[in-house]
Amino acid sequence: MTKKLGKPVADGSRLLGDVRSLIVEARGALATAVNAGLTLLYWNIGKRIQQEILKGERAAYGEQVIAGLAAQLGAEYGGGFGKRNLFNMLRFVEAFPDERIVHALRAQLSWTHFKAIIYFDDPLKRDFYAEMCRIERWSTRTLQERIDSMLFERTALSKQP
């Protein structure tokens, strides 16, 4: 028996290990839930900008509106809602127009993962990296290394007859 906080605890090391595991698991689940919520929030903001402001035809006006929106949101909520990030959110919706796909990926891919792949013009390439992140549980660093090493292109070349 060990003595912690003035009370005897039987097998204190096992108890401590179990409690540590519970804390680590809870923190991981919380981080995943927060990330999933933010990813969906960013997609919805991009969708709202796309539908209500830009309407696909007023690009110059839309850029002014986004700049104004970024200034207001930045003052109220901080730098995560700057002009650049609002354009990322808009591009997110353009790259992943189906909300069901975002729902399916949001628990496995972080916003940083999405930002790394949303600017690919080739949807096959974008889907390849998204799926590899999901299956292999790549960190954003690993994803960037795979992109930099041209994994998609090398894989596509190796499959040619």
N, C-alpha and C. Protein backbone atom coordinates (compact mmCIF):
# COMPACT_ATOMS: atom_id res chain seq x y z
N MET A 1 0.84 -1.18 0.00
CA MET A 1 0.00 0.00 0.00
C MET A 1 0.89 1.25 0.00
N THR A 2 0.46 2.24 -0.78
CA THR A 2 1.16 3.52 -0.79
C THR A 2 0.25 4.56 -0.18
N LYS A 3 0.85 5.65 0.22
CA LYS A 3 0.05 6.69 0.86
C LYS A 3 0.07 7.93 -0.03
N LYS A 4 -1.08 8.32 -0.54
CA LYS A 4 -1.24 9.50 -1.39
C LYS A 4 -2.30 10.40 -0.76
N LEU A 5 -1.99 11.68 -0.66
CA LEU A 5 -2.93 12.66 -0.11
C LEU A 5 -3.45 12.25 1.26
N GLY A 6 -2.61 11.63 2.05
CA GLY A 6 -3.00 11.31 3.42
C GLY A 6 -3.83 10.06 3.58
N LYS A 7 -4.22 9.39 2.49
CA LYS A 7 -5.04 8.18 2.59
C LYS A 7 -4.29 7.01 1.98
N PRO A 8 -4.36 5.86 2.59
CA PRO A 8 -3.69 4.69 2.01
C PRO A 8 -4.41 4.23 0.74
N VAL A 9 -3.63 3.89 -0.28
CA VAL A 9 -4.19 3.42 -1.54
C VAL A 9 -3.55 2.09 -1.88
N ALA A 10 -4.38 1.07 -2.05
CA ALA A 10 -3.86 -0.25 -2.42
C ALA A 10 -3.42 -0.21 -3.88
N ASP A 11 -2.24 -0.72 -4.14
CA ASP A 11 -1.69 -0.78 -5.50
C ASP A 11 -1.80 0.58 -6.20
N GLY A 12 -1.22 1.58 -5.59
CA GLY A 12 -1.29 2.96 -6.08
C GLY A 12 -0.74 3.14 -7.48
N SER A 13 0.26 2.37 -7.87
CA SER A 13 0.83 2.55 -9.21
C SER A 13 -0.17 2.12 -10.29
N ARG A 14 -0.92 1.04 -10.04
CA ARG A 14 -1.93 0.61 -11.01
C ARG A 14 -3.05 1.62 -11.11
N LEU A 15 -3.49 2.13 -9.97
CA LEU A 15 -4.54 3.14 -9.95
C LEU A 15 -4.08 4.38 -10.70
N LEU A 16 -2.87 4.83 -10.42
CA LEU A 16 -2.33 6.01 -11.08
C LEU A 16 -2.27 5.79 -12.59
N GLY A 17 -1.81 4.64 -13.00
CA GLY A 17 -1.74 4.32 -14.43
C GLY A 17 -3.11 4.32 -15.08
N ASP A 18 -4.09 3.73 -14.39
CA ASP A 18 -5.46 3.69 -14.93
C ASP A 18 -6.04 5.09 -15.07
N VAL A 19 -5.83 5.92 -14.06
CA VAL A 19 -6.37 7.28 -14.11
C VAL A 19 -5.67 8.09 -15.19
N ARG A 20 -4.37 7.92 -15.32
CA ARG A 20 -3.65 8.60 -16.40
C ARG A 20 -4.21 8.21 -17.77
N SER A 21 -4.46 6.92 -17.95
CA SER A 21 -5.02 6.44 -19.22
C SER A 21 -6.39 7.07 -19.49
N LEU A 22 -7.22 7.15 -18.46
CA LEU A 22 -8.53 7.78 -18.61
C LEU A 22 -8.40 9.25 -19.04
N ILE A 23 -7.47 9.95 -18.43
CA ILE A 23 -7.26 11.36 -18.75
C ILE A 23 -6.78 11.52 -20.19
N VAL A 24 -5.80 10.69 -20.59
CA VAL A 24 -5.27 10.77 -21.94
C VAL A 24 -6.35 10.46 -22.98
N GLU A 25 -7.15 9.41 -22.72
CA GLU A 25 -8.23 9.05 -23.64
C GLU A 25 -9.25 10.17 -23.75
N ALA A 26 -9.63 10.74 -22.62
CA ALA A 26 -10.62 11.82 -22.62
C ALA A 26 -10.09 13.04 -23.36
N ARG A 27 -8.84 13.37 -23.14
CA ARG A 27 -8.24 14.52 -23.84
C ARG A 27 -8.21 14.28 -25.35
N GLY A 28 -7.86 13.07 -25.75
CA GLY A 28 -7.85 12.75 -27.18
C GLY A 28 -9.22 12.83 -27.80
N ALA A 29 -10.21 12.30 -27.09
CA ALA A 29 -11.59 12.35 -27.60
C ALA A 29 -12.08 13.80 -27.67
N LEU A 30 -11.73 14.59 -26.69
CA LEU A 30 -12.12 16.00 -26.68
C LEU A 30 -11.47 16.75 -27.84
N ALA A 31 -10.18 16.51 -28.07
CA ALA A 31 -9.49 17.16 -29.18
C ALA A 31 -10.12 16.78 -30.51
N THR A 32 -10.46 15.50 -30.67
CA THR A 32 -11.10 15.04 -31.90
C THR A 32 -12.46 15.69 -32.09
N ALA A 33 -13.24 15.80 -31.02
CA ALA A 33 -14.56 16.42 -31.10
C ALA A 33 -14.46 17.90 -31.44
N VAL A 34 -13.51 18.59 -30.82
CA VAL A 34 -13.31 20.02 -31.11
C VAL A 34 -12.89 20.21 -32.55
N ASN A 35 -11.93 19.41 -33.01
CA ASN A 35 -11.48 19.51 -34.39
C ASN A 35 -12.61 19.23 -35.37
N ALA A 36 -13.40 18.21 -35.10
CA ALA A 36 -14.51 17.87 -35.99
C ALA A 36 -15.52 19.01 -36.03
N GLY A 37 -15.78 19.61 -34.89
CA GLY A 37 -16.71 20.74 -34.84
C GLY A 37 -16.18 21.94 -35.60
N LEU A 38 -14.90 22.24 -35.44
CA LEU A 38 -14.31 23.37 -36.15
C LEU A 38 -14.29 23.13 -37.66
N THR A 39 -13.97 21.92 -38.06
CA THR A 39 -13.95 21.60 -39.49
C THR A 39 -15.32 21.80 -40.10
N LEU A 40 -16.35 21.32 -39.43
CA LEU A 40 -17.71 21.51 -39.94
C LEU A 40 -18.11 22.98 -39.91
N LEU A 41 -17.72 23.70 -38.87
CA LEU A 41 -17.99 25.14 -38.81
C LEU A 41 -17.36 25.84 -40.00
N TYR A 42 -16.11 25.54 -40.30
CA TYR A 42 -15.42 26.19 -41.40
C TYR A 42 -16.08 25.85 -42.73
N TRP A 43 -16.53 24.62 -42.89
CA TRP A 43 -17.23 24.24 -44.12
C TRP A 43 -18.54 25.04 -44.23
N ASN A 44 -19.27 25.14 -43.13
CA ASN A 44 -20.54 25.87 -43.16
C ASN A 44 -20.34 27.37 -43.42
N ILE A 45 -19.28 27.94 -42.87
CA ILE A 45 -18.98 29.35 -43.16
C ILE A 45 -18.67 29.51 -44.65
N GLY A 46 -17.85 28.62 -45.18
CA GLY A 46 -17.54 28.67 -46.61
C GLY A 46 -18.79 28.52 -47.47
N LYS A 47 -19.67 27.63 -47.07
CA LYS A 47 -20.92 27.41 -47.81
C LYS A 47 -21.79 28.66 -47.77
N ARG A 48 -21.87 29.28 -46.60
CA ARG A 48 -22.68 30.49 -46.45
C ARG A 48 -22.13 31.63 -47.30
N ILE A 49 -20.81 31.77 -47.30
CA ILE A 49 -20.19 32.80 -48.14
C ILE A 49 -20.48 32.52 -49.61
N GLN A 50 -20.31 31.27 -50.00
CA GLN A 50 -20.55 30.89 -51.39
C GLN A 50 -21.99 31.17 -51.81
N GLN A 51 -22.95 30.76 -51.01
CA GLN A 51 -24.36 30.88 -51.37
C GLN A 51 -24.90 32.30 -51.28
N GLU A 52 -24.58 32.97 -50.20
CA GLU A 52 -25.24 34.24 -49.92
C GLU A 52 -24.50 35.47 -50.43
N ILE A 53 -23.20 35.38 -50.57
CA ILE A 53 -22.45 36.57 -50.95
C ILE A 53 -21.94 36.48 -52.38
N LEU A 54 -21.20 35.42 -52.68
CA LEU A 54 -20.54 35.35 -53.98
C LEU A 54 -21.48 34.95 -55.11
N LYS A 55 -22.34 34.01 -54.86
CA LYS A 55 -23.29 33.50 -55.86
C LYS A 55 -22.63 33.19 -57.19
N GLY A 56 -21.35 32.89 -57.14
CA GLY A 56 -20.64 32.41 -58.31
C GLY A 56 -20.38 33.42 -59.40
N GLU A 57 -20.74 34.68 -59.23
CA GLU A 57 -20.57 35.60 -60.35
C GLU A 57 -20.02 36.97 -59.97
N ARG A 58 -20.05 37.32 -58.70
CA ARG A 58 -19.63 38.67 -58.30
C ARG A 58 -18.31 38.62 -57.55
N ALA A 59 -17.26 38.19 -58.22
CA ALA A 59 -15.98 37.95 -57.56
C ALA A 59 -15.39 39.20 -56.93
N ALA A 60 -15.36 40.33 -57.65
CA ALA A 60 -14.77 41.56 -57.10
C ALA A 60 -15.56 42.03 -55.89
N TYR A 61 -16.87 42.02 -56.01
CA TYR A 61 -17.73 42.41 -54.88
C TYR A 61 -17.53 41.43 -53.72
N GLY A 62 -17.44 40.15 -54.05
CA GLY A 62 -17.26 39.13 -53.02
C GLY A 62 -15.97 39.30 -52.26
N GLU A 63 -14.92 39.68 -52.96
CA GLU A 63 -13.63 39.88 -52.29
C GLU A 63 -13.73 41.04 -51.29
N GLN A 64 -14.44 42.09 -51.67
CA GLN A 64 -14.65 43.23 -50.75
C GLN A 64 -15.46 42.79 -49.54
N VAL A 65 -16.50 42.02 -49.79
CA VAL A 65 -17.35 41.56 -48.69
C VAL A 65 -16.57 40.65 -47.75
N ILE A 66 -15.75 39.76 -48.31
CA ILE A 66 -14.95 38.87 -47.48
C ILE A 66 -13.95 39.66 -46.65
N ALA A 67 -13.34 40.67 -47.25
CA ALA A 67 -12.39 41.51 -46.51
C ALA A 67 -13.10 42.19 -45.34
N GLY A 68 -14.30 42.74 -45.58
CA GLY A 68 -15.07 43.38 -44.50
C GLY A 68 -15.50 42.38 -43.44
N LEU A 69 -15.95 41.23 -43.89
CA LEU A 69 -16.37 40.17 -42.97
C LEU A 69 -15.19 39.72 -42.11
N ALA A 70 -14.02 39.57 -42.74
CA ALA A 70 -12.82 39.15 -42.01
C ALA A 70 -12.43 40.19 -40.96
N ALA A 71 -12.54 41.45 -41.30
CA ALA A 71 -12.20 42.50 -40.33
C ALA A 71 -13.13 42.45 -39.13
N GLN A 72 -14.42 42.29 -39.38
CA GLN A 72 -15.40 42.24 -38.28
C GLN A 72 -15.22 40.97 -37.44
N LEU A 73 -15.10 39.83 -38.11
CA LEU A 73 -14.95 38.57 -37.37
C LEU A 73 -13.61 38.52 -36.63
N GLY A 74 -12.57 39.03 -37.26
CA GLY A 74 -11.25 39.05 -36.62
C GLY A 74 -11.27 39.88 -35.34
N ALA A 75 -11.95 41.02 -35.37
CA ALA A 75 -12.03 41.87 -34.19
C ALA A 75 -12.84 41.18 -33.08
N GLU A 76 -13.82 40.42 -33.50
CA GLU A 76 -14.71 39.79 -32.52
C GLU A 76 -14.20 38.42 -32.04
N TYR A 77 -13.63 37.63 -32.96
CA TYR A 77 -13.28 36.24 -32.62
C TYR A 77 -11.80 35.90 -32.77
N GLY A 78 -10.99 36.80 -33.27
CA GLY A 78 -9.55 36.54 -33.38
C GLY A 78 -9.11 36.21 -34.79
N GLY A 79 -7.83 35.89 -34.89
CA GLY A 79 -7.18 35.71 -36.18
C GLY A 79 -7.63 34.53 -37.00
N GLY A 80 -8.29 33.57 -36.42
CA GLY A 80 -8.73 32.39 -37.18
C GLY A 80 -9.77 32.71 -38.23
N PHE A 81 -10.27 33.94 -38.22
CA PHE A 81 -11.31 34.32 -39.18
C PHE A 81 -10.84 35.46 -40.07
N GLY A 82 -9.54 35.49 -40.34
CA GLY A 82 -8.97 36.49 -41.22
C GLY A 82 -9.36 36.22 -42.67
N LYS A 83 -9.02 37.18 -43.52
CA LYS A 83 -9.37 37.10 -44.94
C LYS A 83 -8.83 35.82 -45.58
N ARG A 84 -7.58 35.50 -45.31
CA ARG A 84 -6.98 34.31 -45.90
C ARG A 84 -7.74 33.05 -45.49
N ASN A 85 -8.08 32.94 -44.20
CA ASN A 85 -8.78 31.74 -43.74
C ASN A 85 -10.21 31.68 -44.28
N LEU A 86 -10.86 32.83 -44.44
CA LEU A 86 -12.19 32.82 -45.04
C LEU A 86 -12.13 32.34 -46.49
N PHE A 87 -11.08 32.73 -47.22
CA PHE A 87 -10.91 32.21 -48.58
C PHE A 87 -10.62 30.71 -48.54
N ASN A 88 -9.88 30.25 -47.52
CA ASN A 88 -9.67 28.80 -47.37
C ASN A 88 -10.99 28.08 -47.14
N MET A 89 -11.87 28.69 -46.34
CA MET A 89 -13.17 28.08 -46.06
C MET A 89 -14.01 28.01 -47.33
N LEU A 90 -13.95 29.06 -48.12
CA LEU A 90 -14.67 29.07 -49.39
C LEU A 90 -14.12 27.99 -50.32
N ARG A 91 -12.81 27.88 -50.40
CA ARG A 91 -12.19 26.86 -51.24
C ARG A 91 -12.52 25.45 -50.73
N PHE A 92 -12.63 25.31 -49.42
CA PHE A 92 -13.00 24.03 -48.80
C PHE A 92 -14.33 23.55 -49.37
N VAL A 93 -15.31 24.45 -49.46
CA VAL A 93 -16.63 24.09 -50.00
C VAL A 93 -16.53 23.76 -51.49
N GLU A 94 -15.71 24.51 -52.21
CA GLU A 94 -15.55 24.24 -53.64
C GLU A 94 -14.89 22.87 -53.85
N ALA A 95 -13.92 22.54 -53.02
CA ALA A 95 -13.22 21.26 -53.16
C ALA A 95 -14.04 20.08 -52.66
N PHE A 96 -14.84 20.31 -51.62
CA PHE A 96 -15.69 19.27 -51.03
C PHE A 96 -17.13 19.78 -50.96
N PRO A 97 -17.82 19.84 -52.09
CA PRO A 97 -19.17 20.42 -52.10
C PRO A 97 -20.22 19.57 -51.38
N ASP A 98 -19.94 18.30 -51.19
CA ASP A 98 -20.90 17.40 -50.55
C ASP A 98 -20.64 17.35 -49.05
N GLU A 99 -21.56 17.86 -48.29
CA GLU A 99 -21.41 17.91 -46.83
C GLU A 99 -21.25 16.52 -46.22
N ARG A 100 -21.83 15.52 -46.86
CA ARG A 100 -21.73 14.15 -46.34
C ARG A 100 -20.28 13.66 -46.33
N ILE A 101 -19.51 14.07 -47.32
CA ILE A 101 -18.10 13.68 -47.37
C ILE A 101 -17.35 14.34 -46.23
N VAL A 102 -17.64 15.62 -45.99
CA VAL A 102 -16.99 16.34 -44.89
C VAL A 102 -17.35 15.68 -43.56
N HIS A 103 -18.63 15.32 -43.40
CA HIS A 103 -19.04 14.64 -42.17
C HIS A 103 -18.28 13.34 -41.98
N ALA A 104 -18.07 12.61 -43.06
CA ALA A 104 -17.38 11.32 -42.96
C ALA A 104 -15.90 11.49 -42.63
N LEU A 105 -15.28 12.56 -43.10
CA LEU A 105 -13.84 12.75 -42.92
C LEU A 105 -13.46 13.59 -41.71
N ARG A 106 -14.39 14.35 -41.18
CA ARG A 106 -14.04 15.35 -40.17
C ARG A 106 -13.49 14.77 -38.87
N ALA A 107 -13.79 13.53 -38.55
CA ALA A 107 -13.25 12.93 -37.33
C ALA A 107 -11.81 12.45 -37.53
N GLN A 108 -11.43 12.19 -38.80
CA GLN A 108 -10.08 11.68 -39.06
C GLN A 108 -9.11 12.73 -39.59
N LEU A 109 -9.62 13.75 -40.26
CA LEU A 109 -8.77 14.78 -40.84
C LEU A 109 -8.99 16.10 -40.12
N SER A 110 -7.90 16.77 -39.81
CA SER A 110 -8.00 18.07 -39.17
C SER A 110 -8.15 19.17 -40.22
N TRP A 111 -8.45 20.37 -39.77
CA TRP A 111 -8.54 21.51 -40.67
C TRP A 111 -7.21 21.68 -41.41
N THR A 112 -6.10 21.43 -40.73
CA THR A 112 -4.79 21.56 -41.37
C THR A 112 -4.62 20.53 -42.48
N HIS A 113 -5.13 19.32 -42.29
CA HIS A 113 -5.12 18.32 -43.36
C HIS A 113 -5.89 18.86 -44.57
N PHE A 114 -7.10 19.34 -44.31
CA PHE A 114 -7.93 19.83 -45.41
C PHE A 114 -7.26 20.99 -46.14
N LYS A 115 -6.66 21.91 -45.38
CA LYS A 115 -6.00 23.05 -46.02
C LYS A 115 -4.88 22.61 -46.94
N ALA A 116 -4.23 21.50 -46.60
CA ALA A 116 -3.12 21.01 -47.42
C ALA A 116 -3.59 20.43 -48.75
N ILE A 117 -4.85 19.99 -48.82
CA ILE A 117 -5.31 19.32 -50.05
C ILE A 117 -6.39 20.06 -50.82
N ILE A 118 -6.98 21.09 -50.26
CA ILE A 118 -8.12 21.74 -50.94
C ILE A 118 -7.73 22.50 -52.20
N TYR A 119 -6.48 22.85 -52.33
CA TYR A 119 -6.08 23.63 -53.51
C TYR A 119 -5.60 22.76 -54.67
N PHE A 120 -5.64 21.45 -54.53
CA PHE A 120 -5.33 20.57 -55.66
C PHE A 120 -6.44 20.71 -56.69
N ASP A 121 -6.06 20.95 -57.93
CA ASP A 121 -7.07 21.05 -59.00
C ASP A 121 -7.63 19.68 -59.38
N ASP A 122 -6.82 18.67 -59.22
CA ASP A 122 -7.23 17.32 -59.59
C ASP A 122 -8.00 16.67 -58.44
N PRO A 123 -9.31 16.45 -58.63
CA PRO A 123 -10.10 15.84 -57.55
C PRO A 123 -9.62 14.44 -57.19
N LEU A 124 -9.08 13.71 -58.14
CA LEU A 124 -8.57 12.38 -57.86
C LEU A 124 -7.37 12.45 -56.90
N LYS A 125 -6.51 13.41 -57.13
CA LYS A 125 -5.35 13.62 -56.26
C LYS A 125 -5.80 14.03 -54.86
N ARG A 126 -6.75 14.93 -54.79
CA ARG A 126 -7.29 15.39 -53.50
C ARG A 126 -7.92 14.22 -52.74
N ASP A 127 -8.72 13.43 -53.44
CA ASP A 127 -9.37 12.28 -52.81
C ASP A 127 -8.35 11.22 -52.38
N PHE A 128 -7.32 11.04 -53.19
CA PHE A 128 -6.26 10.09 -52.86
C PHE A 128 -5.63 10.44 -51.51
N TYR A 129 -5.22 11.71 -51.37
CA TYR A 129 -4.56 12.12 -50.11
C TYR A 129 -5.53 12.10 -48.94
N ALA A 130 -6.77 12.49 -49.16
CA ALA A 130 -7.76 12.44 -48.07
C ALA A 130 -7.96 11.00 -47.60
N GLU A 131 -8.07 10.09 -48.55
CA GLU A 131 -8.29 8.69 -48.20
C GLU A 131 -7.06 8.08 -47.53
N MET A 132 -5.88 8.43 -48.00
CA MET A 132 -4.67 7.92 -47.38
C MET A 132 -4.53 8.44 -45.94
N CYS A 133 -4.88 9.70 -45.74
CA CYS A 133 -4.86 10.26 -44.36
C CYS A 133 -5.83 9.49 -43.47
N ARG A 134 -6.99 9.21 -44.01
CA ARG A 134 -8.01 8.51 -43.23
C ARG A 134 -7.58 7.09 -42.90
N ILE A 135 -7.12 6.36 -43.89
CA ILE A 135 -6.77 4.95 -43.70
C ILE A 135 -5.49 4.81 -42.86
N GLU A 136 -4.48 5.59 -43.20
CA GLU A 136 -3.18 5.45 -42.56
C GLU A 136 -3.03 6.31 -41.31
N ARG A 137 -4.02 7.16 -41.04
CA ARG A 137 -3.98 8.08 -39.88
C ARG A 137 -2.73 8.95 -39.90
N TRP A 138 -2.48 9.56 -41.07
CA TRP A 138 -1.32 10.42 -41.21
C TRP A 138 -1.48 11.69 -40.41
N SER A 139 -0.40 12.13 -39.80
CA SER A 139 -0.36 13.46 -39.20
C SER A 139 -0.27 14.47 -40.35
N THR A 140 -0.46 15.73 -40.04
CA THR A 140 -0.34 16.74 -41.11
C THR A 140 1.10 16.81 -41.60
N ARG A 141 2.05 16.56 -40.73
CA ARG A 141 3.46 16.56 -41.14
C ARG A 141 3.71 15.43 -42.13
N THR A 142 3.19 14.25 -41.83
CA THR A 142 3.35 13.11 -42.73
C THR A 142 2.67 13.38 -44.07
N LEU A 143 1.47 13.95 -44.02
CA LEU A 143 0.77 14.30 -45.26
C LEU A 143 1.63 15.23 -46.10
N GLN A 144 2.17 16.27 -45.50
CA GLN A 144 2.98 17.22 -46.26
C GLN A 144 4.23 16.55 -46.84
N GLU A 145 4.83 15.64 -46.07
CA GLU A 145 5.99 14.90 -46.59
C GLU A 145 5.60 14.05 -47.80
N ARG A 146 4.44 13.42 -47.74
CA ARG A 146 3.98 12.57 -48.86
C ARG A 146 3.66 13.42 -50.09
N ILE A 147 3.07 14.59 -49.86
CA ILE A 147 2.78 15.50 -50.97
C ILE A 147 4.09 15.96 -51.59
N ASP A 148 5.04 16.38 -50.74
CA ASP A 148 6.33 16.87 -51.22
C ASP A 148 7.10 15.78 -51.98
N SER A 149 6.92 14.52 -51.58
CA SER A 149 7.61 13.42 -52.26
C SER A 149 6.84 12.96 -53.50
N MET A 150 5.73 13.63 -53.79
CA MET A 150 4.90 13.33 -54.97
C MET A 150 4.39 11.88 -54.96
N LEU A 151 3.92 11.45 -53.82
CA LEU A 151 3.42 10.08 -53.68
C LEU A 151 2.31 9.77 -54.68
N PHE A 152 1.38 10.68 -54.85
CA PHE A 152 0.27 10.45 -55.78
C PHE A 152 0.80 10.20 -57.19
N GLU A 153 1.69 11.07 -57.64
CA GLU A 153 2.23 10.94 -58.99
C GLU A 153 3.02 9.65 -59.15
N ARG A 154 3.82 9.30 -58.15
CA ARG A 154 4.60 8.07 -58.21
C ARG A 154 3.69 6.85 -58.21
N THR A 155 2.63 6.91 -57.42
CA THR A 155 1.68 5.80 -57.35
C THR A 155 0.94 5.67 -58.69
N ALA A 156 0.54 6.79 -59.25
CA ALA A 156 -0.18 6.77 -60.54
C ALA A 156 0.72 6.22 -61.64
N LEU A 157 1.99 6.62 -61.65
CA LEU A 157 2.92 6.12 -62.66
C LEU A 157 3.15 4.62 -62.54
N SER A 158 3.21 4.13 -61.31
CA SER A 158 3.49 2.71 -61.12
C SER A 158 2.31 1.85 -61.53
N LYS A 159 1.14 2.43 -61.65
CA LYS A 159 -0.05 1.65 -62.03
C LYS A 159 -0.30 1.69 -63.53
N GLN A 160 0.49 2.46 -64.28
CA GLN A 160 0.33 2.50 -65.72
C GLN A 160 0.85 1.21 -66.36
N PRO A 161 0.19 0.74 -67.42
CA PRO A 161 0.64 -0.49 -68.07
C PRO A 161 1.99 -0.31 -68.74
